[in-house]
Structures are given as structure tokens and as C-alpha cells.
Amino acid sequence: MSYVVIIDDRGRMVLPAEVRRKLDIKKGSRVLLKVTSDSSAEIIVLDKLYEEVSKIFDEKFKGWKEEDHEASKMLEMMLSGDH
């Protein structure tokens, strides 16, 4: 899918509604505009990237606890009432 957009006098461009819907871009969404070496540009929707990374992080570190970390030991001690 390709679209021609116009850049206004302040350097802004309007993404067509179909593109915004397809990429789930809403008011306030953050996107990364990546300029490639061949002078083209790529838009990466950061909201989606954040959700994907968060999901992977949660899956990989589910139930993880740093046993030997001083803060973990102190927290465990406080919760057990041995302070």
C-alpha cells in the first residue's frame, strides 16, 4: 500500500485515515520515523512495540526473583517479621 501525502509549510504531513486505522495510530500515539540509508523513511508505531516487548518480558521473567540481591533479602526479612 502506498500513499502520496503533502508536507505543509510547517513540515507536517497528514497520514491518511486508512493508514492510521491499519497501524492503530490514534491522537497522542508515538511513532518512530526511521530514515534509511537509501533516503526512504519507515514509520514504527512505538505503542505496539512497547506492548510486544512488555508481553515478551512478562513471559520470560514470570515469577523471577533475584534471590541473592540485598534488596530481595531485606524485603523477604521484612515480610517474614524477622527484623
PDB file of N, CA and C in Angstrom:
ATOM      1  N   MET A   1       0.840  -1.157   0.000  1.00  0.00           N
ATOM      2  CA  MET A   1       0.000   0.000   0.000  1.00  0.00           C
ATOM      3  C   MET A   1       0.892   1.228   0.000  1.00  0.00           C
ATOM      4  N   SER A   2       0.598   2.131  -0.868  1.00  0.00           N
ATOM      5  CA  SER A   2       1.379   3.367  -0.990  1.00  0.00           C
ATOM      6  C   SER A   2       0.439   4.553  -1.062  1.00  0.00           C
ATOM      7  N   TYR A   3       0.857   5.664  -0.495  1.00  0.00           N
ATOM      8  CA  TYR A   3       0.061   6.881  -0.493  1.00  0.00           C
ATOM      9  C   TYR A   3       0.966   8.058  -0.778  1.00  0.00           C
ATOM     10  N   VAL A   4       0.433   9.066  -1.425  1.00  0.00           N
ATOM     11  CA  VAL A   4       1.128  10.330  -1.604  1.00  0.00           C
ATOM     12  C   VAL A   4       0.540  11.289  -0.584  1.00  0.00           C
ATOM     13  N   VAL A   5       1.404  11.887   0.228  1.00  0.00           N
ATOM     14  CA  VAL A   5       0.951  12.875   1.210  1.00  0.00           C
ATOM     15  C   VAL A   5       1.672  14.180   0.934  1.00  0.00           C
ATOM     16  N   ILE A   6       1.094  15.253   1.385  1.00  0.00           N
ATOM     17  CA  ILE A   6       1.667  16.582   1.158  1.00  0.00           C
ATOM     18  C   ILE A   6       2.226  17.106   2.476  1.00  0.00           C
ATOM     19  N   ILE A   7       3.394  17.686   2.409  1.00  0.00           N
ATOM     20  CA  ILE A   7       4.031  18.314   3.561  1.00  0.00           C
ATOM     21  C   ILE A   7       3.622  19.787   3.569  1.00  0.00           C
ATOM     22  N   ASP A   8       3.096  20.261   4.729  1.00  0.00           N
ATOM     23  CA  ASP A   8       2.660  21.655   4.775  1.00  0.00           C
ATOM     24  C   ASP A   8       3.848  22.580   5.057  1.00  0.00           C
ATOM     25  N   ASP A   9       3.566  23.875   5.159  1.00  0.00           N
ATOM     26  CA  ASP A   9       4.637  24.865   5.327  1.00  0.00           C
ATOM     27  C   ASP A   9       5.330  24.768   6.685  1.00  0.00           C
ATOM     28  N   ARG A  10       4.767  24.025   7.626  1.00  0.00           N
ATOM     29  CA  ARG A  10       5.405  23.829   8.929  1.00  0.00           C
ATOM     30  C   ARG A  10       6.097  22.463   9.016  1.00  0.00           C
ATOM     31  N   GLY A  11       6.161  21.739   7.883  1.00  0.00           N
ATOM     32  CA  GLY A  11       6.849  20.456   7.855  1.00  0.00           C
ATOM     33  C   GLY A  11       5.992  19.281   8.298  1.00  0.00           C
ATOM     34  N   ARG A  12       4.695  19.471   8.462  1.00  0.00           N
ATOM     35  CA  ARG A  12       3.808  18.408   8.924  1.00  0.00           C
ATOM     36  C   ARG A  12       3.195  17.673   7.745  1.00  0.00           C
ATOM     37  N   MET A  13       2.887  16.414   7.985  1.00  0.00           N
ATOM     38  CA  MET A  13       2.157  15.654   6.979  1.00  0.00           C
ATOM     39  C   MET A  13       0.993  14.954   7.670  1.00  0.00           C
ATOM     40  N   VAL A  14      -0.063  14.726   6.942  1.00  0.00           N
ATOM     41  CA  VAL A  14      -1.233  14.049   7.485  1.00  0.00           C
ATOM     42  C   VAL A  14      -1.223  12.626   6.943  1.00  0.00           C
ATOM     43  N   LEU A  15      -1.279  11.680   7.874  1.00  0.00           N
ATOM     44  CA  LEU A  15      -1.379  10.281   7.458  1.00  0.00           C
ATOM     45  C   LEU A  15      -2.836  10.008   7.095  1.00  0.00           C
ATOM     46  N   PRO A  16      -3.079   9.376   5.966  1.00  0.00           N
ATOM     47  CA  PRO A  16      -4.457   9.071   5.586  1.00  0.00           C
ATOM     48  C   PRO A  16      -5.152   8.212   6.649  1.00  0.00           C
ATOM     49  N   ALA A  17      -6.459   8.384   6.795  1.00  0.00           N
ATOM     50  CA  ALA A  17      -7.243   7.670   7.800  1.00  0.00           C
ATOM     51  C   ALA A  17      -7.058   6.153   7.674  1.00  0.00           C
ATOM     52  N   GLU A  18      -6.991   5.647   6.479  1.00  0.00           N
ATOM     53  CA  GLU A  18      -6.827   4.205   6.270  1.00  0.00           C
ATOM     54  C   GLU A  18      -5.505   3.713   6.872  1.00  0.00           C
ATOM     55  N   VAL A  19      -4.455   4.494   6.734  1.00  0.00           N
ATOM     56  CA  VAL A  19      -3.151   4.145   7.298  1.00  0.00           C
ATOM     57  C   VAL A  19      -3.225   4.172   8.817  1.00  0.00           C
ATOM     58  N   ARG A  20      -3.828   5.223   9.368  1.00  0.00           N
ATOM     59  CA  ARG A  20      -3.958   5.319  10.825  1.00  0.00           C
ATOM     60  C   ARG A  20      -4.755   4.151  11.393  1.00  0.00           C
ATOM     61  N   ARG A  21      -5.824   3.782  10.715  1.00  0.00           N
ATOM     62  CA  ARG A  21      -6.625   2.630  11.175  1.00  0.00           C
ATOM     63  C   ARG A  21      -5.820   1.344  11.106  1.00  0.00           C
ATOM     64  N   LYS A  22      -5.155   1.131   9.991  1.00  0.00           N
ATOM     65  CA  LYS A  22      -4.400  -0.112   9.797  1.00  0.00           C
ATOM     66  C   LYS A  22      -3.268  -0.237  10.819  1.00  0.00           C
ATOM     67  N   LEU A  23      -2.608   0.881  11.164  1.00  0.00           N
ATOM     68  CA  LEU A  23      -1.500   0.867  12.120  1.00  0.00           C
ATOM     69  C   LEU A  23      -1.959   1.138  13.548  1.00  0.00           C
ATOM     70  N   ASP A  24      -3.252   1.353  13.742  1.00  0.00           N
ATOM     71  CA  ASP A  24      -3.837   1.661  15.049  1.00  0.00           C
ATOM     72  C   ASP A  24      -3.178   2.883  15.686  1.00  0.00           C
ATOM     73  N   ILE A  25      -3.019   3.912  14.874  1.00  0.00           N
ATOM     74  CA  ILE A  25      -2.443   5.175  15.341  1.00  0.00           C
ATOM     75  C   ILE A  25      -3.590   6.096  15.717  1.00  0.00           C
ATOM     76  N   LYS A  26      -3.557   6.567  16.969  1.00  0.00           N
ATOM     77  CA  LYS A  26      -4.587   7.463  17.473  1.00  0.00           C
ATOM     78  C   LYS A  26      -3.941   8.765  17.925  1.00  0.00           C
ATOM     79  N   LYS A  27      -4.762   9.733  18.273  1.00  0.00           N
ATOM     80  CA  LYS A  27      -4.252  11.001  18.789  1.00  0.00           C
ATOM     81  C   LYS A  27      -3.365  10.704  20.000  1.00  0.00           C
ATOM     82  N   GLY A  28      -2.156  11.241  20.001  1.00  0.00           N
ATOM     83  CA  GLY A  28      -1.224  11.024  21.107  1.00  0.00           C
ATOM     84  C   GLY A  28      -0.327   9.813  20.938  1.00  0.00           C
ATOM     85  N   SER A  29      -0.582   8.985  19.911  1.00  0.00           N
ATOM     86  CA  SER A  29       0.296   7.831  19.673  1.00  0.00           C
ATOM     87  C   SER A  29       1.701   8.314  19.366  1.00  0.00           C
ATOM     88  N   ARG A  30       2.665   7.536  19.778  1.00  0.00           N
ATOM     89  CA  ARG A  30       4.062   7.865  19.479  1.00  0.00           C
ATOM     90  C   ARG A  30       4.553   6.931  18.378  1.00  0.00           C
ATOM     91  N   VAL A  31       5.217   7.523  17.410  1.00  0.00           N
ATOM     92  CA  VAL A  31       5.788   6.741  16.308  1.00  0.00           C
ATOM     93  C   VAL A  31       7.248   7.130  16.146  1.00  0.00           C
ATOM     94  N   LEU A  32       8.021   6.202  15.660  1.00  0.00           N
ATOM     95  CA  LEU A  32       9.421   6.445  15.357  1.00  0.00           C
ATOM     96  C   LEU A  32       9.526   6.579  13.845  1.00  0.00           C
ATOM     97  N   LEU A  33      10.111   7.667  13.394  1.00  0.00           N
ATOM     98  CA  LEU A  33      10.345   7.864  11.970  1.00  0.00           C
ATOM     99  C   LEU A  33      11.801   7.529  11.716  1.00  0.00           C
ATOM    100  N   LYS A  34      12.034   6.452  11.006  1.00  0.00           N
ATOM    101  CA  LYS A  34      13.386   5.953  10.772  1.00  0.00           C
ATOM    102  C   LYS A  34      13.769   6.240   9.316  1.00  0.00           C
ATOM    103  N   VAL A  35      14.824   7.023   9.140  1.00  0.00           N
ATOM    104  CA  VAL A  35      15.313   7.329   7.801  1.00  0.00           C
ATOM    105  C   VAL A  35      16.366   6.292   7.447  1.00  0.00           C
ATOM    106  N   THR A  36      16.158   5.623   6.329  1.00  0.00           N
ATOM    107  CA  THR A  36      17.070   4.551   5.920  1.00  0.00           C
ATOM    108  C   THR A  36      18.184   5.095   5.036  1.00  0.00           C
ATOM    109  N   SER A  37      19.172   4.277   4.799  1.00  0.00           N
ATOM    110  CA  SER A  37      20.335   4.711   4.024  1.00  0.00           C
ATOM    111  C   SER A  37      19.997   5.014   2.569  1.00  0.00           C
ATOM    112  N   ASP A  38      18.880   4.485   2.074  1.00  0.00           N
ATOM    113  CA  ASP A  38      18.513   4.748   0.681  1.00  0.00           C
ATOM    114  C   ASP A  38      17.548   5.941   0.555  1.00  0.00           C
ATOM    115  N   SER A  39      17.560   6.811   1.560  1.00  0.00           N
ATOM    116  CA  SER A  39      16.753   8.040   1.577  1.00  0.00           C
ATOM    117  C   SER A  39      15.250   7.791   1.593  1.00  0.00           C
ATOM    118  N   SER A  40      14.837   6.654   2.119  1.00  0.00           N
ATOM    119  CA  SER A  40      13.412   6.431   2.333  1.00  0.00           C
ATOM    120  C   SER A  40      13.157   6.475   3.830  1.00  0.00           C
ATOM    121  N   ALA A  41      11.900   6.421   4.215  1.00  0.00           N
ATOM    122  CA  ALA A  41      11.556   6.505   5.632  1.00  0.00           C
ATOM    123  C   ALA A  41      10.626   5.364   6.006  1.00  0.00           C
ATOM    124  N   GLU A  42      10.720   4.962   7.253  1.00  0.00           N
ATOM    125  CA  GLU A  42       9.896   3.890   7.793  1.00  0.00           C
ATOM    126  C   GLU A  42       9.245   4.408   9.078  1.00  0.00           C
ATOM    127  N   ILE A  43       7.968   4.127   9.260  1.00  0.00           N
ATOM    128  CA  ILE A  43       7.271   4.535  10.481  1.00  0.00           C
ATOM    129  C   ILE A  43       7.071   3.299  11.348  1.00  0.00           C
ATOM    130  N   ILE A  44       7.507   3.396  12.600  1.00  0.00           N
ATOM    131  CA  ILE A  44       7.346   2.298  13.546  1.00  0.00           C
ATOM    132  C   ILE A  44       6.463   2.813  14.682  1.00  0.00           C
ATOM    133  N   VAL A  45       5.344   2.131  14.909  1.00  0.00           N
ATOM    134  CA  VAL A  45       4.419   2.546  15.961  1.00  0.00           C
ATOM    135  C   VAL A  45       4.976   2.056  17.295  1.00  0.00           C
ATOM    136  N   LEU A  46       5.403   2.984  18.140  1.00  0.00           N
ATOM    137  CA  LEU A  46       6.047   2.622  19.401  1.00  0.00           C
ATOM    138  C   LEU A  46       5.073   2.018  20.405  1.00  0.00           C
ATOM    139  N   ASP A  47       3.798   2.421  20.362  1.00  0.00           N
ATOM    140  CA  ASP A  47       2.814   1.856  21.280  1.00  0.00           C
ATOM    141  C   ASP A  47       2.728   0.345  21.110  1.00  0.00           C
ATOM    142  N   LYS A  48       2.675  -0.124  19.876  1.00  0.00           N
ATOM    143  CA  LYS A  48       2.612  -1.564  19.599  1.00  0.00           C
ATOM    144  C   LYS A  48       3.911  -2.241  20.006  1.00  0.00           C
ATOM    145  N   LEU A  49       5.035  -1.625  19.707  1.00  0.00           N
ATOM    146  CA  LEU A  49       6.333  -2.187  20.052  1.00  0.00           C
ATOM    147  C   LEU A  49       6.445  -2.339  21.566  1.00  0.00           C
ATOM    148  N   TYR A  50       5.999  -1.329  22.312  1.00  0.00           N
ATOM    149  CA  TYR A  50       6.037  -1.381  23.772  1.00  0.00           C
ATOM    150  C   TYR A  50       5.186  -2.547  24.284  1.00  0.00           C
ATOM    151  N   GLU A  51       3.988  -2.713  23.730  1.00  0.00           N
ATOM    152  CA  GLU A  51       3.115  -3.810  24.146  1.00  0.00           C
ATOM    153  C   GLU A  51       3.768  -5.167  23.879  1.00  0.00           C
ATOM    154  N   GLU A  52       4.382  -5.320  22.704  1.00  0.00           N
ATOM    155  CA  GLU A  52       5.022  -6.580  22.347  1.00  0.00           C
ATOM    156  C   GLU A  52       6.207  -6.884  23.266  1.00  0.00           C
ATOM    157  N   VAL A  53       7.040  -5.880  23.520  1.00  0.00           N
ATOM    158  CA  VAL A  53       8.205  -6.066  24.379  1.00  0.00           C
ATOM    159  C   VAL A  53       7.762  -6.374  25.808  1.00  0.00           C
ATOM    160  N   SER A  54       6.739  -5.684  26.288  1.00  0.00           N
ATOM    161  CA  SER A  54       6.224  -5.936  27.637  1.00  0.00           C
ATOM    162  C   SER A  54       5.712  -7.358  27.774  1.00  0.00           C
ATOM    163  N   LYS A  55       5.005  -7.835  26.766  1.00  0.00           N
ATOM    164  CA  LYS A  55       4.458  -9.200  26.790  1.00  0.00           C
ATOM    165  C   LYS A  55       5.592 -10.225  26.838  1.00  0.00           C
ATOM    166  N   ILE A  56       6.603 -10.045  26.018  1.00  0.00           N
ATOM    167  CA  ILE A  56       7.752 -10.962  25.991  1.00  0.00           C
ATOM    168  C   ILE A  56       8.480 -10.923  27.330  1.00  0.00           C
ATOM    169  N   PHE A  57       8.693  -9.725  27.876  1.00  0.00           N
ATOM    170  CA  PHE A  57       9.366  -9.576  29.164  1.00  0.00           C
ATOM    171  C   PHE A  57       8.585 -10.306  30.252  1.00  0.00           C
ATOM    172  N   ASP A  58       7.266 -10.094  30.286  1.00  0.00           N
ATOM    173  CA  ASP A  58       6.429 -10.749  31.295  1.00  0.00           C
ATOM    174  C   ASP A  58       6.503 -12.266  31.190  1.00  0.00           C
ATOM    175  N   GLU A  59       6.505 -12.787  29.959  1.00  0.00           N
ATOM    176  CA  GLU A  59       6.578 -14.240  29.762  1.00  0.00           C
ATOM    177  C   GLU A  59       7.930 -14.792  30.199  1.00  0.00           C
ATOM    178  N   LYS A  60       8.998 -14.108  29.836  1.00  0.00           N
ATOM    179  CA  LYS A  60      10.345 -14.595  30.134  1.00  0.00           C
ATOM    180  C   LYS A  60      10.687 -14.519  31.617  1.00  0.00           C
ATOM    181  N   PHE A  61      10.173 -13.490  32.308  1.00  0.00           N
ATOM    182  CA  PHE A  61      10.559 -13.264  33.694  1.00  0.00           C
ATOM    183  C   PHE A  61       9.418 -13.520  34.681  1.00  0.00           C
ATOM    184  N   LYS A  62       8.406 -14.277  34.249  1.00  0.00           N
ATOM    185  CA  LYS A  62       7.275 -14.593  35.116  1.00  0.00           C
ATOM    186  C   LYS A  62       7.777 -15.322  36.368  1.00  0.00           C
ATOM    187  N   GLY A  63       7.477 -14.755  37.526  1.00  0.00           N
ATOM    188  CA  GLY A  63       7.865 -15.379  38.778  1.00  0.00           C
ATOM    189  C   GLY A  63       9.341 -15.241  39.122  1.00  0.00           C
ATOM    190  N   TRP A  64      10.089 -14.472  38.321  1.00  0.00           N
ATOM    191  CA  TRP A  64      11.527 -14.324  38.556  1.00  0.00           C
ATOM    192  C   TRP A  64      11.771 -13.469  39.782  1.00  0.00           C
ATOM    193  N   LYS A  65      12.734 -13.868  40.572  1.00  0.00           N
ATOM    194  CA  LYS A  65      13.127 -13.120  41.755  1.00  0.00           C
ATOM    195  C   LYS A  65      14.634 -13.247  41.897  1.00  0.00           C
ATOM    196  N   GLU A  66      15.278 -12.153  42.122  1.00  0.00           N
ATOM    197  CA  GLU A  66      16.729 -12.172  42.273  1.00  0.00           C
ATOM    198  C   GLU A  66      17.037 -12.550  43.715  1.00  0.00           C
ATOM    199  N   GLU A  67      17.301 -13.818  43.931  1.00  0.00           N
ATOM    200  CA  GLU A  67      17.474 -14.378  45.272  1.00  0.00           C
ATOM    201  C   GLU A  67      18.626 -13.750  46.051  1.00  0.00           C
ATOM    202  N   ASP A  68      19.726 -13.479  45.401  1.00  0.00           N
ATOM    203  CA  ASP A  68      20.919 -13.028  46.108  1.00  0.00           C
ATOM    204  C   ASP A  68      21.036 -11.511  46.214  1.00  0.00           C
ATOM    205  N   HIS A  69      20.055 -10.792  45.731  1.00  0.00           N
ATOM    206  CA  HIS A  69      20.129  -9.339  45.780  1.00  0.00           C
ATOM    207  C   HIS A  69      19.780  -8.865  47.191  1.00  0.00           C
ATOM    208  N   GLU A  70      20.532  -7.926  47.684  1.00  0.00           N
ATOM    209  CA  GLU A  70      20.354  -7.422  49.049  1.00  0.00           C
ATOM    210  C   GLU A  70      18.936  -6.915  49.286  1.00  0.00           C
ATOM    211  N   ALA A  71      18.368  -6.210  48.309  1.00  0.00           N
ATOM    212  CA  ALA A  71      17.012  -5.683  48.476  1.00  0.00           C
ATOM    213  C   ALA A  71      16.001  -6.817  48.595  1.00  0.00           C
ATOM    214  N   SER A  72      16.185  -7.891  47.824  1.00  0.00           N
ATOM    215  CA  SER A  72      15.281  -9.044  47.908  1.00  0.00           C
ATOM    216  C   SER A  72      15.370  -9.694  49.277  1.00  0.00           C
ATOM    217  N   LYS A  73      16.585  -9.802  49.806  1.00  0.00           N
ATOM    218  CA  LYS A  73      16.778 -10.396  51.133  1.00  0.00           C
ATOM    219  C   LYS A  73      16.108  -9.539  52.204  1.00  0.00           C
ATOM    220  N   MET A  74      16.285  -8.222  52.120  1.00  0.00           N
ATOM    221  CA  MET A  74      15.682  -7.323  53.098  1.00  0.00           C
ATOM    222  C   MET A  74      14.152  -7.380  53.034  1.00  0.00           C
ATOM    223  N   LEU A  75      13.610  -7.411  51.825  1.00  0.00           N
ATOM    224  CA  LEU A  75      12.172  -7.482  51.657  1.00  0.00           C
ATOM    225  C   LEU A  75      11.627  -8.785  52.240  1.00  0.00           C
ATOM    226  N   GLU A  76      12.306  -9.881  51.944  1.00  0.00           N
ATOM    227  CA  GLU A  76      11.906 -11.177  52.487  1.00  0.00           C
ATOM    228  C   GLU A  76      11.940 -11.172  54.008  1.00  0.00           C
ATOM    229  N   MET A  77      12.990 -10.571  54.568  1.00  0.00           N
ATOM    230  CA  MET A  77      13.137 -10.492  56.015  1.00  0.00           C
ATOM    231  C   MET A  77      11.995  -9.655  56.636  1.00  0.00           C
ATOM    232  N   MET A  78      11.677  -8.535  55.967  1.00  0.00           N
ATOM    233  CA  MET A  78      10.614  -7.671  56.488  1.00  0.00           C
ATOM    234  C   MET A  78       9.254  -8.366  56.418  1.00  0.00           C
ATOM    235  N   LEU A  79       9.023  -9.083  55.338  1.00  0.00           N
ATOM    236  CA  LEU A  79       7.735  -9.761  55.181  1.00  0.00           C
ATOM    237  C   LEU A  79       7.573 -10.920  56.159  1.00  0.00           C
ATOM    238  N   SER A  80       8.685 -11.532  56.553  1.00  0.00           N
ATOM    239  CA  SER A  80       8.606 -12.660  57.472  1.00  0.00           C
ATOM    240  C   SER A  80       8.544 -12.196  58.932  1.00  0.00           C
ATOM    241  N   GLY A  81       8.797 -10.913  59.162  1.00  0.00           N
ATOM    242  CA  GLY A  81       8.739 -10.376  60.510  1.00  0.00           C
ATOM    243  C   GLY A  81      10.020 -10.589  61.312  1.00  0.00           C
ATOM    244  N   ASP A  82      11.122 -10.950  60.646  1.00  0.00           N
ATOM    245  CA  ASP A  82      12.421 -11.193  61.312  1.00  0.00           C
ATOM    246  C   ASP A  82      13.297  -9.940  61.360  1.00  0.00           C
ATOM    247  N   HIS A  83      12.721  -8.780  61.523  1.00  0.00           N
ATOM    248  CA  HIS A  83      13.548  -7.566  61.543  1.00  0.00           C
ATOM    249  C   HIS A  83      13.638  -6.997  62.887  1.00  0.00           C
TER     250      HIS A  83
END
